[in-house]
Each structure stands twice: as structure tokens, then as C-alpha cells.
C-alpha atoms as a PDB file:
ATOM      1  CA  MET A   1      65.603 143.506 146.289  1.00  0.00           C
ATOM      2  CA  VAL A   2      65.242 142.751 150.018  1.00  0.00           C
ATOM      3  CA  LYS A   3      61.607 143.820 149.912  1.00  0.00           C
ATOM      4  CA  LEU A   4      60.982 141.534 146.906  1.00  0.00           C
ATOM      5  CA  ASN A   5      62.523 138.562 148.729  1.00  0.00           C
ATOM      6  CA  GLN A   6      60.312 139.230 151.753  1.00  0.00           C
ATOM      7  CA  GLN A   7      57.224 139.299 149.515  1.00  0.00           C
ATOM      8  CA  VAL A   8      58.241 135.981 147.941  1.00  0.00           C
ATOM      9  CA  LYS A   9      58.778 134.435 151.375  1.00  0.00           C
ATOM     10  CA  THR A  10      55.423 135.765 152.607  1.00  0.00           C
ATOM     11  CA  LYS A  11      53.601 134.325 149.592  1.00  0.00           C
ATOM     12  CA  ALA A  12      55.386 131.005 150.050  1.00  0.00           C
ATOM     13  CA  ARG A  13      54.443 130.920 153.728  1.00  0.00           C
ATOM     14  CA  ARG A  14      50.802 131.668 152.918  1.00  0.00           C
ATOM     15  CA  SER A  15      50.760 128.960 150.265  1.00  0.00           C
ATOM     16  CA  TYR A  16      52.226 126.486 152.743  1.00  0.00           C
ATOM     17  CA  LEU A  17      49.643 127.366 155.391  1.00  0.00           C
ATOM     18  CA  LEU A  18      46.842 127.090 152.835  1.00  0.00           C
ATOM     19  CA  LEU A  19      48.124 123.659 151.815  1.00  0.00           C
ATOM     20  CA  LEU A  20      48.102 122.546 155.464  1.00  0.00           C
ATOM     21  CA  VAL A  21      44.542 123.822 155.934  1.00  0.00           C
ATOM     22  CA  LEU A  22      43.392 121.975 152.810  1.00  0.00           C
ATOM     23  CA  LEU A  23      45.190 118.821 153.925  1.00  0.00           C
ATOM     24  CA  PHE A  24      43.647 118.786 157.406  1.00  0.00           C
ATOM     25  CA  SER A  25      40.247 119.684 155.985  1.00  0.00           C
ATOM     26  CA  SER A  26      40.501 116.769 153.601  1.00  0.00           C
ATOM     27  CA  LEU A  27      41.486 114.416 156.410  1.00  0.00           C
ATOM     28  CA  HIS A  28      38.544 115.611 158.509  1.00  0.00           C
ATOM     29  CA  ILE A  29      36.081 115.225 155.652  1.00  0.00           C
ATOM     30  CA  HIS A  30      37.236 111.689 154.955  1.00  0.00           C
ATOM     31  CA  ALA A  31      37.637 110.603 158.596  1.00  0.00           C
ATOM     32  CA  GLU A  32      35.712 107.460 159.377  1.00  0.00           C
ATOM     33  CA  GLU A  33      32.780 108.001 161.712  1.00  0.00           C
ATOM     34  CA  ILE A  34      30.948 105.469 163.850  1.00  0.00           C
ATOM     35  CA  ARG A  35      27.508 106.400 165.141  1.00  0.00           C
ATOM     36  CA  ILE A  36      27.612 104.754 168.534  1.00  0.00           C
ATOM     37  CA  ALA A  37      25.072 104.643 171.341  1.00  0.00           C
ATOM     38  CA  ILE A  38      24.613 103.573 174.942  1.00  0.00           C
ATOM     39  CA  ASN A  39      21.633 103.032 177.192  1.00  0.00           C
ATOM     40  CA  ASP A  40      20.149 106.115 178.844  1.00  0.00           C
ATOM     41  CA  VAL A  41      20.195 104.586 182.345  1.00  0.00           C
ATOM     42  CA  ASP A  42      23.102 104.282 184.754  1.00  0.00           C
ATOM     43  CA  ASN A  43      25.206 101.113 184.711  1.00  0.00           C
ATOM     44  CA  SER A  44      28.235 102.230 186.709  1.00  0.00           C
ATOM     45  CA  PRO A  45      31.157 101.942 186.413  1.00  0.00           C
ATOM     46  CA  TYR A  46      30.815 101.103 182.710  1.00  0.00           C
ATOM     47  CA  MET A  47      28.193 103.716 181.805  1.00  0.00           C
ATOM     48  CA  VAL A  48      27.590 106.524 184.274  1.00  0.00           C
ATOM     49  CA  GLY A  49      24.559 108.746 184.746  1.00  0.00           C
ATOM     50  CA  SER A  50      21.254 108.817 182.919  1.00  0.00           C
ATOM     51  CA  GLY A  51      19.448 110.889 180.317  1.00  0.00           C
ATOM     52  CA  SER A  52      20.270 111.844 176.746  1.00  0.00           C
ATOM     53  CA  ALA A  53      23.782 113.258 177.268  1.00  0.00           C
ATOM     54  CA  LEU A  54      27.062 111.652 178.316  1.00  0.00           C
ATOM     55  CA  SER A  55      28.062 112.255 181.914  1.00  0.00           C
ATOM     56  CA  SER A  56      31.422 113.493 183.123  1.00  0.00           C
ATOM     57  CA  PRO A  57      33.139 111.149 183.655  1.00  0.00           C
ATOM     58  CA  PRO A  58      31.080 109.064 181.222  1.00  0.00           C
ATOM     59  CA  GLY A  59      31.981 105.542 182.350  1.00  0.00           C
ATOM     60  CA  ILE A  60      34.728 103.011 181.710  1.00  0.00           C
ATOM     61  CA  ALA A  61      33.102 101.540 178.586  1.00  0.00           C
ATOM     62  CA  VAL A  62      32.734 104.977 176.993  1.00  0.00           C
ATOM     63  CA  GLU A  63      36.341 105.879 177.793  1.00  0.00           C
ATOM     64  CA  LEU A  64      37.533 102.557 176.385  1.00  0.00           C
ATOM     65  CA  ALA A  65      35.629 103.187 173.145  1.00  0.00           C
ATOM     66  CA  ASN A  66      37.019 106.722 172.870  1.00  0.00           C
ATOM     67  CA  THR A  67      40.565 105.417 173.333  1.00  0.00           C
ATOM     68  CA  VAL A  68      40.072 102.730 170.690  1.00  0.00           C
ATOM     69  CA  ALA A  69      38.638 105.302 168.261  1.00  0.00           C
ATOM     70  CA  ALA A  70      41.634 107.610 168.744  1.00  0.00           C
ATOM     71  CA  ASP A  71      44.055 104.707 168.305  1.00  0.00           C
ATOM     72  CA  ILE A  72      42.540 103.494 165.022  1.00  0.00           C
ATOM     73  CA  GLY A  73      41.793 106.975 163.636  1.00  0.00           C
ATOM     74  CA  VAL A  74      38.000 107.177 163.694  1.00  0.00           C
ATOM     75  CA  THR A  75      35.538 109.588 165.272  1.00  0.00           C
ATOM     76  CA  LEU A  76      32.619 108.529 167.442  1.00  0.00           C
ATOM     77  CA  SER A  77      29.242 110.240 167.272  1.00  0.00           C
ATOM     78  CA  TRP A  78      27.558 109.510 170.627  1.00  0.00           C
ATOM     79  CA  GLN A  79      23.894 109.055 171.528  1.00  0.00           C
ATOM     80  CA  ARG A  80      22.055 107.876 174.648  1.00  0.00           C
ATOM     81  CA  LEU A  81      18.786 106.080 173.963  1.00  0.00           C
ATOM     82  CA  PRO A  82      16.209 103.920 175.776  1.00  0.00           C
ATOM     83  CA  SER A  83      16.811 100.160 175.499  1.00  0.00           C
ATOM     84  CA  LYS A  84      14.113  99.346 172.944  1.00  0.00           C
ATOM     85  CA  ARG A  85      15.064 102.318 170.774  1.00  0.00           C
ATOM     86  CA  LEU A  86      18.738 101.273 170.927  1.00  0.00           C
ATOM     87  CA  LEU A  87      18.035  97.811 169.604  1.00  0.00           C
ATOM     88  CA  LEU A  88      15.580  98.960 166.942  1.00  0.00           C
ATOM     89  CA  ASP A  89      17.877 101.713 165.646  1.00  0.00           C
ATOM     90  CA  LEU A  90      20.810  99.304 165.451  1.00  0.00           C
ATOM     91  CA  LYS A  91      18.749  96.681 163.640  1.00  0.00           C
ATOM     92  CA  GLU A  92      17.515  99.228 161.107  1.00  0.00           C
ATOM     93  CA  GLY A  93      20.947 100.836 160.628  1.00  0.00           C
ATOM     94  CA  ARG A  94      20.185 104.278 162.076  1.00  0.00           C
ATOM     95  CA  ILE A  95      23.147 103.785 164.402  1.00  0.00           C
ATOM     96  CA  ASP A  96      26.280 101.732 163.773  1.00  0.00           C
ATOM     97  CA  ALA A  97      27.147 100.305 167.169  1.00  0.00           C
ATOM     98  CA  ILE A  98      26.025  99.779 170.759  1.00  0.00           C
ATOM     99  CA  LEU A  99      28.228  99.474 173.810  1.00  0.00           C
ATOM    100  CA  MET A 100      27.647  96.891 176.543  1.00  0.00           C
ATOM    101  CA  LEU A 101      25.225  94.446 174.931  1.00  0.00           C
ATOM    102  CA  SER A 102      25.082  90.856 176.144  1.00  0.00           C
ATOM    103  CA  TYR A 103      24.850  87.921 173.740  1.00  0.00           C
ATOM    104  CA  SER A 104      21.870  85.835 172.750  1.00  0.00           C
ATOM    105  CA  GLU A 105      21.217  83.737 169.671  1.00  0.00           C
ATOM    106  CA  GLU A 106      18.236  85.916 168.833  1.00  0.00           C
ATOM    107  CA  ARG A 107      20.335  89.081 168.976  1.00  0.00           C
ATOM    108  CA  ALA A 108      23.082  87.455 166.913  1.00  0.00           C
ATOM    109  CA  ARG A 109      20.607  87.105 164.046  1.00  0.00           C
ATOM    110  CA  ASP A 110      20.124  90.887 163.973  1.00  0.00           C
ATOM    111  CA  TYR A 111      23.487  92.282 165.066  1.00  0.00           C
ATOM    112  CA  ALA A 112      27.191  91.652 164.451  1.00  0.00           C
ATOM    113  CA  TYR A 113      29.130  90.218 167.407  1.00  0.00           C
ATOM    114  CA  PRO A 114      32.885  89.494 167.438  1.00  0.00           C
ATOM    115  CA  LEU A 115      33.454  85.924 166.264  1.00  0.00           C
ATOM    116  CA  ASN A 116      36.515  83.705 166.200  1.00  0.00           C
ATOM    117  CA  LYS A 117      37.763  81.772 163.170  1.00  0.00           C
ATOM    118  CA  ALA A 118      35.366  78.927 163.978  1.00  0.00           C
ATOM    119  CA  GLY A 119      32.429  81.340 163.817  1.00  0.00           C
ATOM    120  CA  GLN A 120      31.827  81.234 167.566  1.00  0.00           C
ATOM    121  CA  LEU A 121      31.441  84.178 169.929  1.00  0.00           C
ATOM    122  CA  ASP A 122      34.903  85.538 170.784  1.00  0.00           C
ATOM    123  CA  ASP A 123      34.775  86.420 174.464  1.00  0.00           C
ATOM    124  CA  SER A 124      38.348  87.741 174.362  1.00  0.00           C
ATOM    125  CA  ARG A 125      37.041  90.743 172.423  1.00  0.00           C
ATOM    126  CA  ARG A 126      34.342  91.711 174.936  1.00  0.00           C
ATOM    127  CA  ILE A 127      34.264  95.259 176.312  1.00  0.00           C
ATOM    128  CA  GLY A 128      33.559  94.160 179.868  1.00  0.00           C
ATOM    129  CA  TYR A 129      32.433  91.417 182.185  1.00  0.00           C
ATOM    130  CA  LEU A 130      29.683  92.587 184.502  1.00  0.00           C
ATOM    131  CA  SER A 131      29.645  90.281 187.488  1.00  0.00           C
ATOM    132  CA  TYR A 132      28.511  90.478 191.087  1.00  0.00           C
ATOM    133  CA  ALA A 133      30.622  88.878 193.786  1.00  0.00           C
ATOM    134  CA  LEU A 134      30.002  88.430 197.498  1.00  0.00           C
ATOM    135  CA  TYR A 135      32.381  89.576 200.224  1.00  0.00           C
ATOM    136  CA  ARG A 136      32.382  88.672 203.924  1.00  0.00           C
ATOM    137  CA  GLN A 137      34.513  89.214 206.999  1.00  0.00           C
ATOM    138  CA  LYS A 138      37.324  86.694 207.395  1.00  0.00           C
ATOM    139  CA  GLY A 139      36.226  83.939 209.741  1.00  0.00           C
ATOM    140  CA  SER A 140      32.529  84.362 208.934  1.00  0.00           C
ATOM    141  CA  ALA A 141      30.483  81.190 208.388  1.00  0.00           C
ATOM    142  CA  VAL A 142      28.166  82.682 205.774  1.00  0.00           C
ATOM    143  CA  GLN A 143      28.337  80.974 202.376  1.00  0.00           C
ATOM    144  CA  TRP A 144      26.820  81.125 198.882  1.00  0.00           C
ATOM    145  CA  ASP A 145      26.598  77.814 196.989  1.00  0.00           C
ATOM    146  CA  GLY A 146      25.439  79.291 193.691  1.00  0.00           C
ATOM    147  CA  LYS A 147      21.767  78.771 194.477  1.00  0.00           C
ATOM    148  CA  GLN A 148      21.181  79.800 198.082  1.00  0.00           C
ATOM    149  CA  PHE A 149      22.777  81.472 201.084  1.00  0.00           C
ATOM    150  CA  LEU A 150      23.986  79.345 203.982  1.00  0.00           C
ATOM    151  CA  ASN A 151      24.284  80.663 207.551  1.00  0.00           C
ATOM    152  CA  LEU A 152      23.011  84.075 206.492  1.00  0.00           C
ATOM    153  CA  THR A 153      21.443  85.698 209.551  1.00  0.00           C
ATOM    154  CA  GLY A 154      22.039  89.384 208.848  1.00  0.00           C
ATOM    155  CA  PRO A 155      21.535  91.899 206.041  1.00  0.00           C
ATOM    156  CA  VAL A 156      23.470  92.055 202.774  1.00  0.00           C
ATOM    157  CA  GLY A 157      24.945  95.384 201.690  1.00  0.00           C
ATOM    158  CA  ALA A 158      24.402  96.555 198.106  1.00  0.00           C
ATOM    159  CA  ASN A 159      24.429  99.803 196.136  1.00  0.00           C
ATOM    160  CA  THR A 160      21.153 101.657 195.802  1.00  0.00           C
ATOM    161  CA  GLY A 161      19.626 101.382 192.328  1.00  0.00           C
ATOM    162  CA  TYR A 162      21.732  98.434 191.215  1.00  0.00           C
ATOM    163  CA  SER A 163      19.997  95.393 189.713  1.00  0.00           C
ATOM    164  CA  VAL A 164      21.591  93.173 192.359  1.00  0.00           C
ATOM    165  CA  VAL A 165      19.227  94.645 194.984  1.00  0.00           C
ATOM    166  CA  ASP A 166      16.202  92.948 193.398  1.00  0.00           C
ATOM    167  CA  MET A 167      18.217  89.774 192.842  1.00  0.00           C
ATOM    168  CA  LEU A 168      19.093  89.572 196.531  1.00  0.00           C
ATOM    169  CA  LYS A 169      15.510  90.197 197.604  1.00  0.00           C
ATOM    170  CA  GLN A 170      14.309  87.395 195.321  1.00  0.00           C
ATOM    171  CA  LEU A 171      16.783  85.116 197.088  1.00  0.00           C
ATOM    172  CA  GLY A 172      15.185  86.023 200.398  1.00  0.00           C
ATOM    173  CA  ALA A 173      17.933  88.299 201.717  1.00  0.00           C
ATOM    174  CA  THR A 174      17.387  91.506 203.668  1.00  0.00           C
ATOM    175  CA  VAL A 175      19.185  94.269 201.790  1.00  0.00           C
ATOM    176  CA  ASP A 176      20.886  97.232 203.453  1.00  0.00           C
ATOM    177  CA  GLU A 177      21.463  99.772 200.673  1.00  0.00           C
ATOM    178  CA  ALA A 178      24.185 102.403 200.449  1.00  0.00           C
ATOM    179  CA  LYS A 179      25.186 104.950 197.842  1.00  0.00           C
ATOM    180  CA  GLU A 180      28.750 103.697 197.335  1.00  0.00           C
ATOM    181  CA  THR A 181      30.665 100.428 197.326  1.00  0.00           C
ATOM    182  CA  THR A 182      33.145 101.740 199.893  1.00  0.00           C
ATOM    183  CA  GLN A 183      30.267 102.524 202.265  1.00  0.00           C
ATOM    184  CA  ASN A 184      29.072  98.927 202.028  1.00  0.00           C
ATOM    185  CA  PHE A 185      32.546  97.604 202.814  1.00  0.00           C
ATOM    186  CA  GLY A 186      32.700 100.004 205.745  1.00  0.00           C
ATOM    187  CA  LYS A 187      29.447  98.541 207.063  1.00  0.00           C
ATOM    188  CA  LEU A 188      30.924  95.065 206.646  1.00  0.00           C
ATOM    189  CA  ALA A 189      33.984  96.022 208.693  1.00  0.00           C
ATOM    190  CA  LEU A 190      31.716  97.390 211.444  1.00  0.00           C
ATOM    191  CA  GLY A 191      29.506  94.282 211.453  1.00  0.00           C
ATOM    192  CA  ARG A 192      26.428  96.155 210.250  1.00  0.00           C
ATOM    193  CA  VAL A 193      26.032  93.809 207.270  1.00  0.00           C
ATOM    194  CA  GLN A 194      27.003  90.154 207.012  1.00  0.00           C
ATOM    195  CA  LEU A 195      27.810  90.223 203.294  1.00  0.00           C
ATOM    196  CA  VAL A 196      28.440  92.787 200.597  1.00  0.00           C
ATOM    197  CA  ALA A 197      27.205  92.141 197.064  1.00  0.00           C
ATOM    198  CA  ALA A 198      29.332  94.327 194.782  1.00  0.00           C
ATOM    199  CA  GLN A 199      30.368  94.486 191.175  1.00  0.00           C
ATOM    200  CA  GLU A 200      33.380  92.205 191.079  1.00  0.00           C
ATOM    201  CA  VAL A 201      35.632  94.743 189.400  1.00  0.00           C
ATOM    202  CA  MET A 202      34.939  97.231 192.217  1.00  0.00           C
ATOM    203  CA  GLY A 203      35.106  94.782 195.125  1.00  0.00           C
ATOM    204  CA  ASP A 204      38.302  93.137 193.914  1.00  0.00           C
ATOM    205  CA  TYR A 205      39.934  96.525 193.506  1.00  0.00           C
ATOM    206  CA  LEU A 206      39.178  97.374 197.134  1.00  0.00           C
ATOM    207  CA  LEU A 207      40.663  94.065 198.263  1.00  0.00           C
ATOM    208  CA  SER A 208      43.774  94.580 196.111  1.00  0.00           C
ATOM    209  CA  GLU A 209      44.279  98.015 197.669  1.00  0.00           C
ATOM    210  CA  ARG A 210      43.930  96.469 201.142  1.00  0.00           C
ATOM    211  CA  ARG A 211      41.575  99.245 202.189  1.00  0.00           C
ATOM    212  CA  PHE A 212      39.478  96.646 204.027  1.00  0.00           C
ATOM    213  CA  PRO A 213      41.990  93.958 205.057  1.00  0.00           C
ATOM    214  CA  SER A 214      39.464  92.013 207.167  1.00  0.00           C
ATOM    215  CA  ALA A 215      37.255  91.326 204.105  1.00  0.00           C
ATOM    216  CA  GLU A 216      37.474  88.358 201.763  1.00  0.00           C
ATOM    217  CA  LYS A 217      35.719  87.240 198.613  1.00  0.00           C
ATOM    218  CA  LEU A 218      33.491  84.181 198.421  1.00  0.00           C
ATOM    219  CA  PRO A 219      34.613  81.715 195.704  1.00  0.00           C
ATOM    220  CA  VAL A 220      31.279  81.432 193.872  1.00  0.00           C
ATOM    221  CA  LEU A 221      30.005  84.470 191.937  1.00  0.00           C
ATOM    222  CA  LEU A 222      26.473  85.681 192.525  1.00  0.00           C
ATOM    223  CA  SER A 223      26.081  86.339 188.789  1.00  0.00           C
ATOM    224  CA  GLY A 224      28.203  87.163 185.757  1.00  0.00           C
ATOM    225  CA  LYS A 225      27.905  87.932 182.059  1.00  0.00           C
ATOM    226  CA  SER A 226      30.133  89.245 179.250  1.00  0.00           C
ATOM    227  CA  TYR A 227      29.170  92.375 177.341  1.00  0.00           C
ATOM    228  CA  PHE A 228      30.238  93.425 173.855  1.00  0.00           C
ATOM    229  CA  THR A 229      30.466  96.303 171.428  1.00  0.00           C
ATOM    230  CA  VAL A 230      27.928  95.190 168.827  1.00  0.00           C
ATOM    231  CA  PHE A 231      27.634  96.566 165.290  1.00  0.00           C
ATOM    232  CA  SER A 232      24.706  96.722 162.891  1.00  0.00           C
ATOM    233  CA  LYS A 233      24.600  94.177 160.095  1.00  0.00           C
ATOM    234  CA  ALA A 234      24.640  97.062 157.626  1.00  0.00           C
ATOM    235  CA  PHE A 235      27.866  98.478 159.084  1.00  0.00           C
ATOM    236  CA  ALA A 236      29.419  94.992 159.189  1.00  0.00           C
ATOM    237  CA  ALA A 237      28.698  94.549 155.482  1.00  0.00           C
ATOM    238  CA  ARG A 238      29.897  98.047 154.592  1.00  0.00           C
ATOM    239  CA  LYS A 239      33.037  98.279 156.735  1.00  0.00           C
ATOM    240  CA  PRO A 240      34.042  94.822 157.981  1.00  0.00           C
ATOM    241  CA  GLU A 241      37.744  95.660 158.288  1.00  0.00           C
ATOM    242  CA  LEU A 242      37.068  98.747 160.415  1.00  0.00           C
ATOM    243  CA  MET A 243      34.774  96.749 162.671  1.00  0.00           C
ATOM    244  CA  GLU A 244      37.445  94.065 163.147  1.00  0.00           C
ATOM    245  CA  ARG A 245      40.092  96.709 163.880  1.00  0.00           C
ATOM    246  CA  PHE A 246      37.855  98.207 166.555  1.00  0.00           C
ATOM    247  CA  TRP A 247      37.310  94.861 168.294  1.00  0.00           C
ATOM    248  CA  GLN A 248      40.962  93.871 168.027  1.00  0.00           C
ATOM    249  CA  ARG A 249      42.264  97.119 169.472  1.00  0.00           C
ATOM    250  CA  LEU A 250      39.669  96.963 172.255  1.00  0.00           C
ATOM    251  CA  SER A 251      40.895  93.486 173.177  1.00  0.00           C
ATOM    252  CA  GLY A 252      44.457  94.789 173.327  1.00  0.00           C
ATOM    253  CA  ILE A 253      43.836  97.694 175.712  1.00  0.00           C
ATOM    254  CA  ARG A 254      40.761  96.619 177.721  1.00  0.00           C
ATOM    255  CA  ASP A 255      42.256  95.082 180.846  1.00  0.00           C
ATOM    256  CA  ALA A 256      45.120  97.521 181.435  1.00  0.00           C
ATOM    257  CA  LYS A 257      42.992 100.560 180.613  1.00  0.00           C
ATOM    258  CA  THR A 258      40.167  99.374 182.890  1.00  0.00           C
ATOM    259  CA  ARG A 259      42.591  99.017 185.814  1.00  0.00           C
ATOM    260  CA  THR A 260      43.875 102.538 185.162  1.00  0.00           C
ATOM    261  CA  LEU A 261      40.386 104.080 184.949  1.00  0.00           C
ATOM    262  CA  LEU A 262      38.764 102.204 187.814  1.00  0.00           C
ATOM    263  CA  PRO A 263      39.903 104.357 190.777  1.00  0.00           C
ATOM    264  CA  ALA A 264      38.042 107.377 189.371  1.00  0.00           C
ATOM    265  CA  TYR A 265      34.794 105.370 189.388  1.00  0.00           C
ATOM    266  CA  LEU A 266      35.189 103.682 192.745  1.00  0.00           C
ATOM    267  CA  ASP A 267      32.888 106.004 194.686  1.00  0.00           C
END
């Protein structure tokens, strides 16, 4: 009798485990998937590294997207592609979304951007704001009026490989390049550069941490632009509610999550 009861319990346990396997298999099969892509060149801290594979760590934008996907119950299938291929594949529906794409009216005709109720671009649902700010030593006379430098007599520090290097050179500045933002601020503290041009999110973090207390930020940005997670028109037509959920959740976590992630990308 005891042996019979054990056999019944064993069969019941096996049936229960089989049911769980079938349930999780069904959930996996029916899980929503978004084919998402980023550029194959470095754009730190939002997208790190280059080539066809994600880096480790992959960048703030990638981590934000992964967090959103986990929160709303979807899976992300990642690709890294050259710029022209990214845009063409999104337009033709071979991928569903792109991270970190700026807005233009021409692009809005081909891709789905987050819009408000009035049908206008909703900046509150951006993934990031990529801006360059200028930092000087307190008491310095150097200025930036939005068009030109004033009282600039020395070099400007900037990170090697960043687009701001060419921008500064076009403005007539001598650029002293370094590998890391902290190195540039160190040069500023030592008087080796007169200004530092840094991504605002990185420079402001250093100021907030008071790691370079003699530095201050100039009031006028060197440049700035919002970037978005953009979906294909085909995906927008097929799964509009999922797309809206993605943007809405991103808006809810972006700022706090970015502040949490930033220290890992500082250097």
C-alpha cells in the first residue's frame, strides 16, 4: 500500500513538472521579440565599443533598453550595423527598432518617433540627450558665447575619437586630446588646458562628485541634441501598444537609471 502511494506521488510530481515545462515553453514561444540595432561605432557612454558584437559593458542606452524590455516582458534581439545599413533595414522592416537616432522631418516620414497627443515629437520619451559642455577653472576669463570663444589663449581638452574634436578644430581651437574625461579634467586642474569640452552627462557628474572642485561649467552649451528609440513603420502598425509601452517605461526609468549606470562608464 505504501509502495502504491509512493508511485502515485511520483507520477503526480512528474505530471506537475511536465506541466511547468509546457507552461514555460509556451510562454517562451509566445514572448514578444523586438529586433533592435545600434550603430557599429563607439558613442560612449551610450553605446560602447565598435564592431558587430555588443561590448561589455555595452553602454547606457543598451542597458536602458534591456531594463525596459525586462520590465514590460519582451526579449531583445541585438544587432550592430553600419549607419546606412541601420536606416535602410529599419525602413524596409528587417529590424524593428534603432537606439539613439536623432530627429528630422525626413526621418519622421520613414520611421516611428514618440509623439504627444498633439502629434508633435515627445522629447520626454527620448533615450538620451547627447550634449557637449565646456568647463574651465574658476576665475578664468575664457568664455563661449554660442558662436565663438572669447579670451581663449590655450588648448582645449577633449576625448580622442569624439566628434567634438573636429568641432573644436573648425572653431579654430587647438585641441589637446586624452583617452578619458577624468584625464582632461586633471589637465585643467594643472593648467595644461584652458577648457575641457566633455559630454555634459560626464562632466556634470564629475562636478557633482566634487572630484575637481576648482572646475566650473560655462552656461552656454557647445552643442546638444535629443536621441530616441525609433521603430519601423511596419512594427508601429503591427504592435502600436507594445511600442507605446516601451517608450513610456523608458521615460519612467531613464533619468534615475542613467545616474546609477554612469559611474561605470566614467573612464
